[in-house]
Amino acid sequence: MRAVGAAWRVGFAHVFVYRAEIAIQLISAAIVAGLNGSLWTAAVRGRDGIAGVPSSEMITYVVVAWVAVSFFASRVNEEIGRRVRDGQIATDLLHPTSLLTMAWARDFGRACACFLVHTLPLFAACAFVFPVEMPRHPWTWALWVLSLVLAHATNFGISFLVGLAALPLHSVTGLTHLKGTVVSVFSGALIPLELFGPALRPFLMALPFQALAYTPASIFLERDVSIVSLLGTQFAWAAVLWTAGALAWRGAARTLTVQGG
């Protein structure tokens, strides 16, 4: 537990080391959020709603779903890919704790720091500019934060598996770009899942990506759905992906070859 706590602190502190990057990322996220919010504001202007979703709810969904990205976004796949290329992955076998646990602790520490310097300021700015509907019940805020934590755990599991693909492929640059596109589209962060239509939407809801942006946004909006079911689905996907990552790393470590030795 001490090792996990230390890894969390390293990940948390690492964000504040590069202060200029904090400002650049926040400005970049604010520009994209502003463009996205403006686009959907124009799309719903003069309409009662889109795809059965009221106009005001659609704007709130778009803002909250995009804000969630600043928290659950992960670079674990890039970090593992880099460690495979330079051979540092071999040293992870010497640690008393698994690569999966330590990578999650560092990344969750980073996510907690990003929540303070990116997620909250971005949400406040968007709520000031756009007509965001706030939750009616105070406990919804706590459930939303819990949902963000589970969204991070789910995205971490996906990123970890992508990173391990560097062992047979030696590079995950292409998979990283593919993962970014798939997550943005299929999570509902870029396009609300309601717009995919009744034929494709059930398929998307069966994938883990909907647990990243769609579920936190639905909880924030206090939609007429079972909160327990939404959180349970997130937890289930996080557990499945964690187990898959542990098994994949265990199998890969047995056949790990670094720099030809």
C-alpha atoms as a PDB file:
ATOM      1  CA  MET A   1       0.000   0.000   0.000  1.00  0.00           C
ATOM      2  CA  ARG A   2       2.913   2.350   0.689  1.00  0.00           C
ATOM      3  CA  ALA A   3       4.247   1.712  -2.805  1.00  0.00           C
ATOM      4  CA  VAL A   4       0.832   2.378  -4.346  1.00  0.00           C
ATOM      5  CA  GLY A   5       0.475   5.579  -2.320  1.00  0.00           C
ATOM      6  CA  ALA A   6       3.918   6.732  -3.398  1.00  0.00           C
ATOM      7  CA  ALA A   7       3.063   6.045  -7.041  1.00  0.00           C
ATOM      8  CA  TRP A   8      -0.167   8.051  -6.662  1.00  0.00           C
ATOM      9  CA  ARG A   9       1.776  10.994  -5.212  1.00  0.00           C
ATOM     10  CA  VAL A  10       4.287  10.843  -8.056  1.00  0.00           C
ATOM     11  CA  GLY A  11       1.506  10.936 -10.629  1.00  0.00           C
ATOM     12  CA  PHE A  12      -0.244  13.787  -8.800  1.00  0.00           C
ATOM     13  CA  ALA A  13       2.917  15.879  -8.403  1.00  0.00           C
ATOM     14  CA  HIS A  14       4.070  15.254 -11.961  1.00  0.00           C
ATOM     15  CA  VAL A  15       1.206  17.348 -13.341  1.00  0.00           C
ATOM     16  CA  PHE A  16       2.318  20.410 -11.380  1.00  0.00           C
ATOM     17  CA  VAL A  17       5.948  20.153 -12.483  1.00  0.00           C
ATOM     18  CA  TYR A  18       5.161  21.439 -15.959  1.00  0.00           C
ATOM     19  CA  ARG A  19       3.049  24.490 -15.203  1.00  0.00           C
ATOM     20  CA  ALA A  20       3.155  25.866 -18.715  1.00  0.00           C
ATOM     21  CA  GLU A  21       1.713  22.572 -19.983  1.00  0.00           C
ATOM     22  CA  ILE A  22      -1.191  22.940 -17.547  1.00  0.00           C
ATOM     23  CA  ALA A  23      -2.101  26.288 -19.068  1.00  0.00           C
ATOM     24  CA  ILE A  24      -1.623  25.076 -22.652  1.00  0.00           C
ATOM     25  CA  GLN A  25      -3.768  21.979 -22.140  1.00  0.00           C
ATOM     26  CA  LEU A  26      -6.474  23.980 -20.383  1.00  0.00           C
ATOM     27  CA  ILE A  27      -6.561  26.556 -23.181  1.00  0.00           C
ATOM     28  CA  SER A  28      -6.651  23.806 -25.800  1.00  0.00           C
ATOM     29  CA  ALA A  29      -9.466  21.955 -24.014  1.00  0.00           C
ATOM     30  CA  ALA A  30     -11.401  25.210 -23.560  1.00  0.00           C
ATOM     31  CA  ILE A  31     -11.147  26.005 -27.288  1.00  0.00           C
ATOM     32  CA  VAL A  32     -12.411  22.557 -28.283  1.00  0.00           C
ATOM     33  CA  ALA A  33     -15.166  22.712 -25.662  1.00  0.00           C
ATOM     34  CA  GLY A  34     -16.170  26.152 -26.887  1.00  0.00           C
ATOM     35  CA  LEU A  35     -16.288  25.030 -30.508  1.00  0.00           C
ATOM     36  CA  ASN A  36     -18.207  21.879 -29.613  1.00  0.00           C
ATOM     37  CA  GLY A  37     -20.656  23.766 -27.419  1.00  0.00           C
ATOM     38  CA  SER A  38     -21.181  26.468 -30.047  1.00  0.00           C
ATOM     39  CA  LEU A  39     -21.787  23.861 -32.737  1.00  0.00           C
ATOM     40  CA  TRP A  40     -24.474  22.081 -30.737  1.00  0.00           C
ATOM     41  CA  THR A  41     -26.003  25.379 -29.581  1.00  0.00           C
ATOM     42  CA  ALA A  42     -26.456  26.318 -33.229  1.00  0.00           C
ATOM     43  CA  ALA A  43     -27.793  22.841 -34.029  1.00  0.00           C
ATOM     44  CA  VAL A  44     -30.556  23.010 -31.413  1.00  0.00           C
ATOM     45  CA  ARG A  45     -31.454  26.679 -31.895  1.00  0.00           C
ATOM     46  CA  GLY A  46     -35.106  26.989 -32.789  1.00  0.00           C
ATOM     47  CA  ARG A  47     -35.809  23.348 -32.006  1.00  0.00           C
ATOM     48  CA  ASP A  48     -37.431  21.665 -29.057  1.00  0.00           C
ATOM     49  CA  GLY A  49     -34.806  18.940 -29.157  1.00  0.00           C
ATOM     50  CA  ILE A  50     -32.810  16.432 -31.186  1.00  0.00           C
ATOM     51  CA  ALA A  51     -33.384  12.663 -31.253  1.00  0.00           C
ATOM     52  CA  GLY A  52     -35.894  13.005 -28.442  1.00  0.00           C
ATOM     53  CA  VAL A  53     -33.476  14.914 -26.195  1.00  0.00           C
ATOM     54  CA  PRO A  54     -34.575  18.452 -25.151  1.00  0.00           C
ATOM     55  CA  SER A  55     -32.349  21.245 -26.430  1.00  0.00           C
ATOM     56  CA  SER A  56     -31.190  22.406 -22.993  1.00  0.00           C
ATOM     57  CA  GLU A  57     -30.389  18.830 -21.975  1.00  0.00           C
ATOM     58  CA  MET A  58     -28.435  18.253 -25.183  1.00  0.00           C
ATOM     59  CA  ILE A  59     -26.203  21.277 -24.521  1.00  0.00           C
ATOM     60  CA  THR A  60     -25.588  20.138 -20.958  1.00  0.00           C
ATOM     61  CA  TYR A  61     -24.794  16.623 -22.155  1.00  0.00           C
ATOM     62  CA  VAL A  62     -22.256  17.862 -24.709  1.00  0.00           C
ATOM     63  CA  VAL A  63     -20.492  20.057 -22.160  1.00  0.00           C
ATOM     64  CA  VAL A  64     -20.397  17.486 -19.355  1.00  0.00           C
ATOM     65  CA  ALA A  65     -19.342  14.640 -21.657  1.00  0.00           C
ATOM     66  CA  TRP A  66     -16.445  16.640 -23.046  1.00  0.00           C
ATOM     67  CA  VAL A  67     -15.377  17.880 -19.606  1.00  0.00           C
ATOM     68  CA  ALA A  68     -15.166  14.244 -18.465  1.00  0.00           C
ATOM     69  CA  VAL A  69     -12.459  13.614 -21.069  1.00  0.00           C
ATOM     70  CA  SER A  70     -10.075  15.910 -19.185  1.00  0.00           C
ATOM     71  CA  PHE A  71     -10.296  13.525 -16.223  1.00  0.00           C
ATOM     72  CA  PHE A  72     -10.396  10.015 -17.654  1.00  0.00           C
ATOM     73  CA  ALA A  73      -7.945  10.623 -20.541  1.00  0.00           C
ATOM     74  CA  SER A  74      -4.878   8.419 -20.110  1.00  0.00           C
ATOM     75  CA  ARG A  75      -1.387   8.162 -21.596  1.00  0.00           C
ATOM     76  CA  VAL A  76      -0.644   4.761 -20.088  1.00  0.00           C
ATOM     77  CA  ASN A  77      -0.533   3.142 -23.520  1.00  0.00           C
ATOM     78  CA  GLU A  78       2.123   5.622 -24.665  1.00  0.00           C
ATOM     79  CA  GLU A  79       4.153   5.194 -21.474  1.00  0.00           C
ATOM     80  CA  ILE A  80       4.161   1.405 -21.705  1.00  0.00           C
ATOM     81  CA  GLY A  81       5.007   1.563 -25.388  1.00  0.00           C
ATOM     82  CA  ARG A  82       7.973   3.800 -24.618  1.00  0.00           C
ATOM     83  CA  ARG A  83       9.168   1.472 -21.843  1.00  0.00           C
ATOM     84  CA  VAL A  84       9.010  -1.458 -24.249  1.00  0.00           C
ATOM     85  CA  ARG A  85      11.043   0.383 -26.893  1.00  0.00           C
ATOM     86  CA  ASP A  86      13.845   1.446 -24.534  1.00  0.00           C
ATOM     87  CA  GLY A  87      13.887  -1.818 -22.538  1.00  0.00           C
ATOM     88  CA  GLN A  88      12.804  -0.351 -19.193  1.00  0.00           C
ATOM     89  CA  ILE A  89       9.840  -2.739 -19.159  1.00  0.00           C
ATOM     90  CA  ALA A  90      12.229  -5.458 -17.941  1.00  0.00           C
ATOM     91  CA  THR A  91      12.805  -3.616 -14.655  1.00  0.00           C
ATOM     92  CA  ASP A  92       9.073  -3.793 -13.886  1.00  0.00           C
ATOM     93  CA  LEU A  93       9.491  -7.514 -13.290  1.00  0.00           C
ATOM     94  CA  LEU A  94      11.749  -6.718 -10.329  1.00  0.00           C
ATOM     95  CA  HIS A  95       9.180  -4.607  -8.473  1.00  0.00           C
ATOM     96  CA  PRO A  96       7.241  -6.133  -5.552  1.00  0.00           C
ATOM     97  CA  THR A  97       4.000  -4.782  -6.992  1.00  0.00           C
ATOM     98  CA  SER A  98       2.661  -5.488 -10.466  1.00  0.00           C
ATOM     99  CA  LEU A  99       3.037  -3.162 -13.427  1.00  0.00           C
ATOM    100  CA  LEU A 100      -0.756  -2.963 -13.645  1.00  0.00           C
ATOM    101  CA  THR A 101      -1.170  -1.710 -10.069  1.00  0.00           C
ATOM    102  CA  MET A 102       1.671   0.802 -10.184  1.00  0.00           C
ATOM    103  CA  ALA A 103       0.640   2.152 -13.579  1.00  0.00           C
ATOM    104  CA  TRP A 104      -2.929   2.642 -12.346  1.00  0.00           C
ATOM    105  CA  ALA A 105      -1.783   4.398  -9.153  1.00  0.00           C
ATOM    106  CA  ARG A 106       0.402   6.845 -11.083  1.00  0.00           C
ATOM    107  CA  ASP A 107      -2.275   7.498 -13.666  1.00  0.00           C
ATOM    108  CA  PHE A 108      -5.005   7.965 -11.071  1.00  0.00           C
ATOM    109  CA  GLY A 109      -2.782  10.452  -9.247  1.00  0.00           C
ATOM    110  CA  ARG A 110      -2.386  12.327 -12.513  1.00  0.00           C
ATOM    111  CA  ALA A 111      -6.159  12.221 -13.058  1.00  0.00           C
ATOM    112  CA  CYS A 112      -6.839  13.641  -9.574  1.00  0.00           C
ATOM    113  CA  ALA A 113      -4.485  16.549 -10.281  1.00  0.00           C
ATOM    114  CA  CYS A 114      -6.144  17.108 -13.660  1.00  0.00           C
ATOM    115  CA  PHE A 115      -9.531  17.196 -11.938  1.00  0.00           C
ATOM    116  CA  LEU A 116      -8.347  20.249  -9.989  1.00  0.00           C
ATOM    117  CA  VAL A 117      -6.514  22.121 -12.739  1.00  0.00           C
ATOM    118  CA  HIS A 118      -8.444  21.039 -15.836  1.00  0.00           C
ATOM    119  CA  THR A 119     -11.849  19.460 -15.170  1.00  0.00           C
ATOM    120  CA  LEU A 120     -13.227  21.914 -12.612  1.00  0.00           C
ATOM    121  CA  PRO A 121     -11.972  25.129 -14.312  1.00  0.00           C
ATOM    122  CA  LEU A 122     -13.168  23.863 -17.708  1.00  0.00           C
ATOM    123  CA  PHE A 123     -16.584  22.991 -16.303  1.00  0.00           C
ATOM    124  CA  ALA A 124     -16.897  26.401 -14.610  1.00  0.00           C
ATOM    125  CA  ALA A 125     -15.978  28.222 -17.816  1.00  0.00           C
ATOM    126  CA  CYS A 126     -18.417  26.201 -19.933  1.00  0.00           C
ATOM    127  CA  ALA A 127     -21.209  26.640 -17.367  1.00  0.00           C
ATOM    128  CA  PHE A 128     -20.644  30.393 -17.515  1.00  0.00           C
ATOM    129  CA  VAL A 129     -20.792  30.547 -21.321  1.00  0.00           C
ATOM    130  CA  PHE A 130     -23.419  27.914 -22.132  1.00  0.00           C
ATOM    131  CA  PRO A 131     -26.857  27.227 -20.582  1.00  0.00           C
ATOM    132  CA  VAL A 132     -25.786  24.214 -18.532  1.00  0.00           C
ATOM    133  CA  GLU A 133     -28.509  22.676 -16.366  1.00  0.00           C
ATOM    134  CA  MET A 134     -27.239  21.949 -12.860  1.00  0.00           C
ATOM    135  CA  PRO A 135     -28.366  18.825 -10.950  1.00  0.00           C
ATOM    136  CA  ARG A 136     -31.463  19.249  -8.779  1.00  0.00           C
ATOM    137  CA  HIS A 137     -30.169  17.019  -5.984  1.00  0.00           C
ATOM    138  CA  PRO A 138     -26.912  17.667  -4.103  1.00  0.00           C
ATOM    139  CA  TRP A 139     -25.965  13.985  -3.968  1.00  0.00           C
ATOM    140  CA  THR A 140     -25.867  13.892  -7.770  1.00  0.00           C
ATOM    141  CA  TRP A 141     -22.526  15.707  -7.620  1.00  0.00           C
ATOM    142  CA  ALA A 142     -21.011  12.908  -5.516  1.00  0.00           C
ATOM    143  CA  LEU A 143     -22.430  10.255  -7.847  1.00  0.00           C
ATOM    144  CA  TRP A 144     -21.023  12.146 -10.825  1.00  0.00           C
ATOM    145  CA  VAL A 145     -17.533  12.218  -9.293  1.00  0.00           C
ATOM    146  CA  LEU A 146     -17.806   8.506  -8.483  1.00  0.00           C
ATOM    147  CA  SER A 147     -18.821   7.869 -12.075  1.00  0.00           C
ATOM    148  CA  LEU A 148     -15.772   9.820 -13.277  1.00  0.00           C
ATOM    149  CA  VAL A 149     -13.526   7.626 -11.113  1.00  0.00           C
ATOM    150  CA  LEU A 150     -15.044   4.493 -12.640  1.00  0.00           C
ATOM    151  CA  ALA A 151     -14.735   6.030 -16.111  1.00  0.00           C
ATOM    152  CA  HIS A 152     -11.033   6.558 -15.477  1.00  0.00           C
ATOM    153  CA  ALA A 153     -10.648   2.957 -14.305  1.00  0.00           C
ATOM    154  CA  THR A 154     -12.380   1.720 -17.466  1.00  0.00           C
ATOM    155  CA  ASN A 155     -10.295   3.876 -19.784  1.00  0.00           C
ATOM    156  CA  PHE A 156      -7.149   2.856 -17.913  1.00  0.00           C
ATOM    157  CA  GLY A 157      -7.970  -0.791 -18.576  1.00  0.00           C
ATOM    158  CA  ILE A 158      -8.375  -0.090 -22.293  1.00  0.00           C
ATOM    159  CA  SER A 159      -5.163   1.953 -22.410  1.00  0.00           C
ATOM    160  CA  PHE A 160      -3.187  -0.687 -20.516  1.00  0.00           C
ATOM    161  CA  LEU A 161      -4.189  -3.397 -22.992  1.00  0.00           C
ATOM    162  CA  VAL A 162      -3.272  -1.124 -25.904  1.00  0.00           C
ATOM    163  CA  GLY A 163       0.092  -0.430 -24.280  1.00  0.00           C
ATOM    164  CA  LEU A 164       0.836  -4.134 -23.852  1.00  0.00           C
ATOM    165  CA  ALA A 165       0.311  -4.556 -27.591  1.00  0.00           C
ATOM    166  CA  ALA A 166       3.758  -2.949 -27.943  1.00  0.00           C
ATOM    167  CA  LEU A 167       5.304  -6.256 -26.810  1.00  0.00           C
ATOM    168  CA  PRO A 168       4.410  -8.144 -30.006  1.00  0.00           C
ATOM    169  CA  LEU A 169       4.137  -5.061 -32.249  1.00  0.00           C
ATOM    170  CA  HIS A 170       7.127  -3.084 -30.821  1.00  0.00           C
ATOM    171  CA  SER A 171       5.170   0.158 -31.302  1.00  0.00           C
ATOM    172  CA  VAL A 172       1.670   1.306 -30.428  1.00  0.00           C
ATOM    173  CA  THR A 173       1.692   4.640 -32.260  1.00  0.00           C
ATOM    174  CA  GLY A 174      -0.926   3.523 -34.748  1.00  0.00           C
ATOM    175  CA  LEU A 175      -3.064   1.824 -32.104  1.00  0.00           C
ATOM    176  CA  THR A 176      -2.850   4.945 -29.940  1.00  0.00           C
ATOM    177  CA  HIS A 177      -4.331   7.099 -32.714  1.00  0.00           C
ATOM    178  CA  LEU A 178      -6.996   4.475 -33.384  1.00  0.00           C
ATOM    179  CA  LYS A 179      -7.844   4.254 -29.689  1.00  0.00           C
ATOM    180  CA  GLY A 180      -8.206   8.046 -29.446  1.00  0.00           C
ATOM    181  CA  THR A 181     -10.629   8.119 -32.363  1.00  0.00           C
ATOM    182  CA  VAL A 182     -12.687   5.167 -31.141  1.00  0.00           C
ATOM    183  CA  VAL A 183     -12.922   6.527 -27.595  1.00  0.00           C
ATOM    184  CA  SER A 184     -13.956  10.007 -28.769  1.00  0.00           C
ATOM    185  CA  VAL A 185     -16.714   8.698 -31.038  1.00  0.00           C
ATOM    186  CA  PHE A 186     -18.004   5.584 -29.278  1.00  0.00           C
ATOM    187  CA  SER A 187     -17.903   7.037 -25.750  1.00  0.00           C
ATOM    188  CA  GLY A 188     -20.351   9.793 -26.659  1.00  0.00           C
ATOM    189  CA  ALA A 189     -17.840  12.545 -25.935  1.00  0.00           C
ATOM    190  CA  LEU A 190     -17.787  13.825 -29.509  1.00  0.00           C
ATOM    191  CA  ILE A 191     -21.212  12.705 -30.761  1.00  0.00           C
ATOM    192  CA  PRO A 192     -24.121  11.965 -28.384  1.00  0.00           C
ATOM    193  CA  LEU A 193     -24.996   8.296 -28.576  1.00  0.00           C
ATOM    194  CA  GLU A 194     -28.660   9.138 -29.166  1.00  0.00           C
ATOM    195  CA  LEU A 195     -27.719  10.318 -32.663  1.00  0.00           C
ATOM    196  CA  PHE A 196     -26.466   6.909 -33.771  1.00  0.00           C
ATOM    197  CA  GLY A 197     -30.007   5.649 -34.244  1.00  0.00           C
ATOM    198  CA  PRO A 198     -31.916   2.652 -32.880  1.00  0.00           C
ATOM    199  CA  ALA A 199     -30.012   0.147 -35.025  1.00  0.00           C
ATOM    200  CA  LEU A 200     -26.482   1.014 -33.926  1.00  0.00           C
ATOM    201  CA  ARG A 201     -27.077   2.408 -30.436  1.00  0.00           C
ATOM    202  CA  PRO A 202     -27.690  -0.977 -28.693  1.00  0.00           C
ATOM    203  CA  PHE A 203     -24.352  -2.193 -30.083  1.00  0.00           C
ATOM    204  CA  LEU A 204     -22.535   0.892 -28.747  1.00  0.00           C
ATOM    205  CA  MET A 205     -24.199   0.524 -25.349  1.00  0.00           C
ATOM    206  CA  ALA A 206     -22.827  -3.020 -25.129  1.00  0.00           C
ATOM    207  CA  LEU A 207     -19.240  -1.780 -25.511  1.00  0.00           C
ATOM    208  CA  PRO A 208     -17.109  -0.436 -22.636  1.00  0.00           C
ATOM    209  CA  PHE A 209     -16.665   2.972 -24.279  1.00  0.00           C
ATOM    210  CA  GLN A 210     -20.131   4.216 -23.255  1.00  0.00           C
ATOM    211  CA  ALA A 211     -18.960   4.016 -19.621  1.00  0.00           C
ATOM    212  CA  LEU A 212     -16.450   6.804 -20.262  1.00  0.00           C
ATOM    213  CA  ALA A 213     -18.479   9.891 -21.223  1.00  0.00           C
ATOM    214  CA  TYR A 214     -22.091   8.843 -21.793  1.00  0.00           C
ATOM    215  CA  THR A 215     -22.622   7.391 -18.302  1.00  0.00           C
ATOM    216  CA  PRO A 216     -21.150  10.330 -16.294  1.00  0.00           C
ATOM    217  CA  ALA A 217     -23.172  12.760 -18.402  1.00  0.00           C
ATOM    218  CA  SER A 218     -26.369  10.734 -17.897  1.00  0.00           C
ATOM    219  CA  ILE A 219     -25.834  10.705 -14.135  1.00  0.00           C
ATOM    220  CA  PHE A 220     -25.178  14.454 -14.090  1.00  0.00           C
ATOM    221  CA  LEU A 221     -28.392  15.060 -16.048  1.00  0.00           C
ATOM    222  CA  GLU A 222     -30.351  12.889 -13.570  1.00  0.00           C
ATOM    223  CA  ARG A 223     -31.980  11.019 -16.412  1.00  0.00           C
ATOM    224  CA  ASP A 224     -34.788   8.618 -15.680  1.00  0.00           C
ATOM    225  CA  VAL A 225     -32.488   5.596 -15.517  1.00  0.00           C
ATOM    226  CA  SER A 226     -31.225   3.391 -12.713  1.00  0.00           C
ATOM    227  CA  ILE A 227     -28.136   4.999 -11.175  1.00  0.00           C
ATOM    228  CA  VAL A 228     -27.211   1.663  -9.628  1.00  0.00           C
ATOM    229  CA  SER A 229     -27.369   0.037 -13.057  1.00  0.00           C
ATOM    230  CA  LEU A 230     -25.181   2.723 -14.648  1.00  0.00           C
ATOM    231  CA  LEU A 231     -22.548   2.604 -11.910  1.00  0.00           C
ATOM    232  CA  GLY A 232     -22.716  -1.185 -11.815  1.00  0.00           C
ATOM    233  CA  THR A 233     -22.047  -1.374 -15.547  1.00  0.00           C
ATOM    234  CA  GLN A 234     -19.067   0.930 -15.170  1.00  0.00           C
ATOM    235  CA  PHE A 235     -17.688  -1.119 -12.278  1.00  0.00           C
ATOM    236  CA  ALA A 236     -18.194  -4.354 -14.212  1.00  0.00           C
ATOM    237  CA  TRP A 237     -16.303  -3.079 -17.245  1.00  0.00           C
ATOM    238  CA  ALA A 238     -13.493  -1.732 -15.058  1.00  0.00           C
ATOM    239  CA  ALA A 239     -13.203  -5.133 -13.332  1.00  0.00           C
ATOM    240  CA  VAL A 240     -13.279  -7.066 -16.620  1.00  0.00           C
ATOM    241  CA  LEU A 241     -10.625  -4.875 -18.213  1.00  0.00           C
ATOM    242  CA  TRP A 242      -8.463  -4.981 -15.067  1.00  0.00           C
ATOM    243  CA  THR A 243      -8.609  -8.782 -15.080  1.00  0.00           C
ATOM    244  CA  ALA A 244      -7.835  -8.889 -18.799  1.00  0.00           C
ATOM    245  CA  GLY A 245      -4.873  -6.573 -18.258  1.00  0.00           C
ATOM    246  CA  ALA A 246      -3.513  -8.689 -15.400  1.00  0.00           C
ATOM    247  CA  LEU A 247      -3.776 -11.877 -17.450  1.00  0.00           C
ATOM    248  CA  ALA A 248      -2.259 -10.236 -20.529  1.00  0.00           C
ATOM    249  CA  TRP A 249       0.702  -8.882 -18.546  1.00  0.00           C
ATOM    250  CA  ARG A 250       1.265 -12.230 -16.844  1.00  0.00           C
ATOM    251  CA  GLY A 251       1.370 -13.989 -20.184  1.00  0.00           C
ATOM    252  CA  ALA A 252       3.536 -11.343 -21.847  1.00  0.00           C
ATOM    253  CA  ALA A 253       6.063 -11.297 -18.984  1.00  0.00           C
ATOM    254  CA  ARG A 254       6.798 -14.990 -19.481  1.00  0.00           C
ATOM    255  CA  THR A 255       7.944 -14.425 -23.057  1.00  0.00           C
ATOM    256  CA  LEU A 256       9.384 -10.916 -22.698  1.00  0.00           C
ATOM    257  CA  THR A 257      12.431 -10.282 -24.878  1.00  0.00           C
ATOM    258  CA  VAL A 258      14.269  -6.970 -24.456  1.00  0.00           C
ATOM    259  CA  GLN A 259      17.076  -5.845 -26.778  1.00  0.00           C
ATOM    260  CA  GLY A 260      17.571  -9.375 -28.057  1.00  0.00           C
ATOM    261  CA  GLY A 261      18.213 -10.966 -24.625  1.00  0.00           C
END
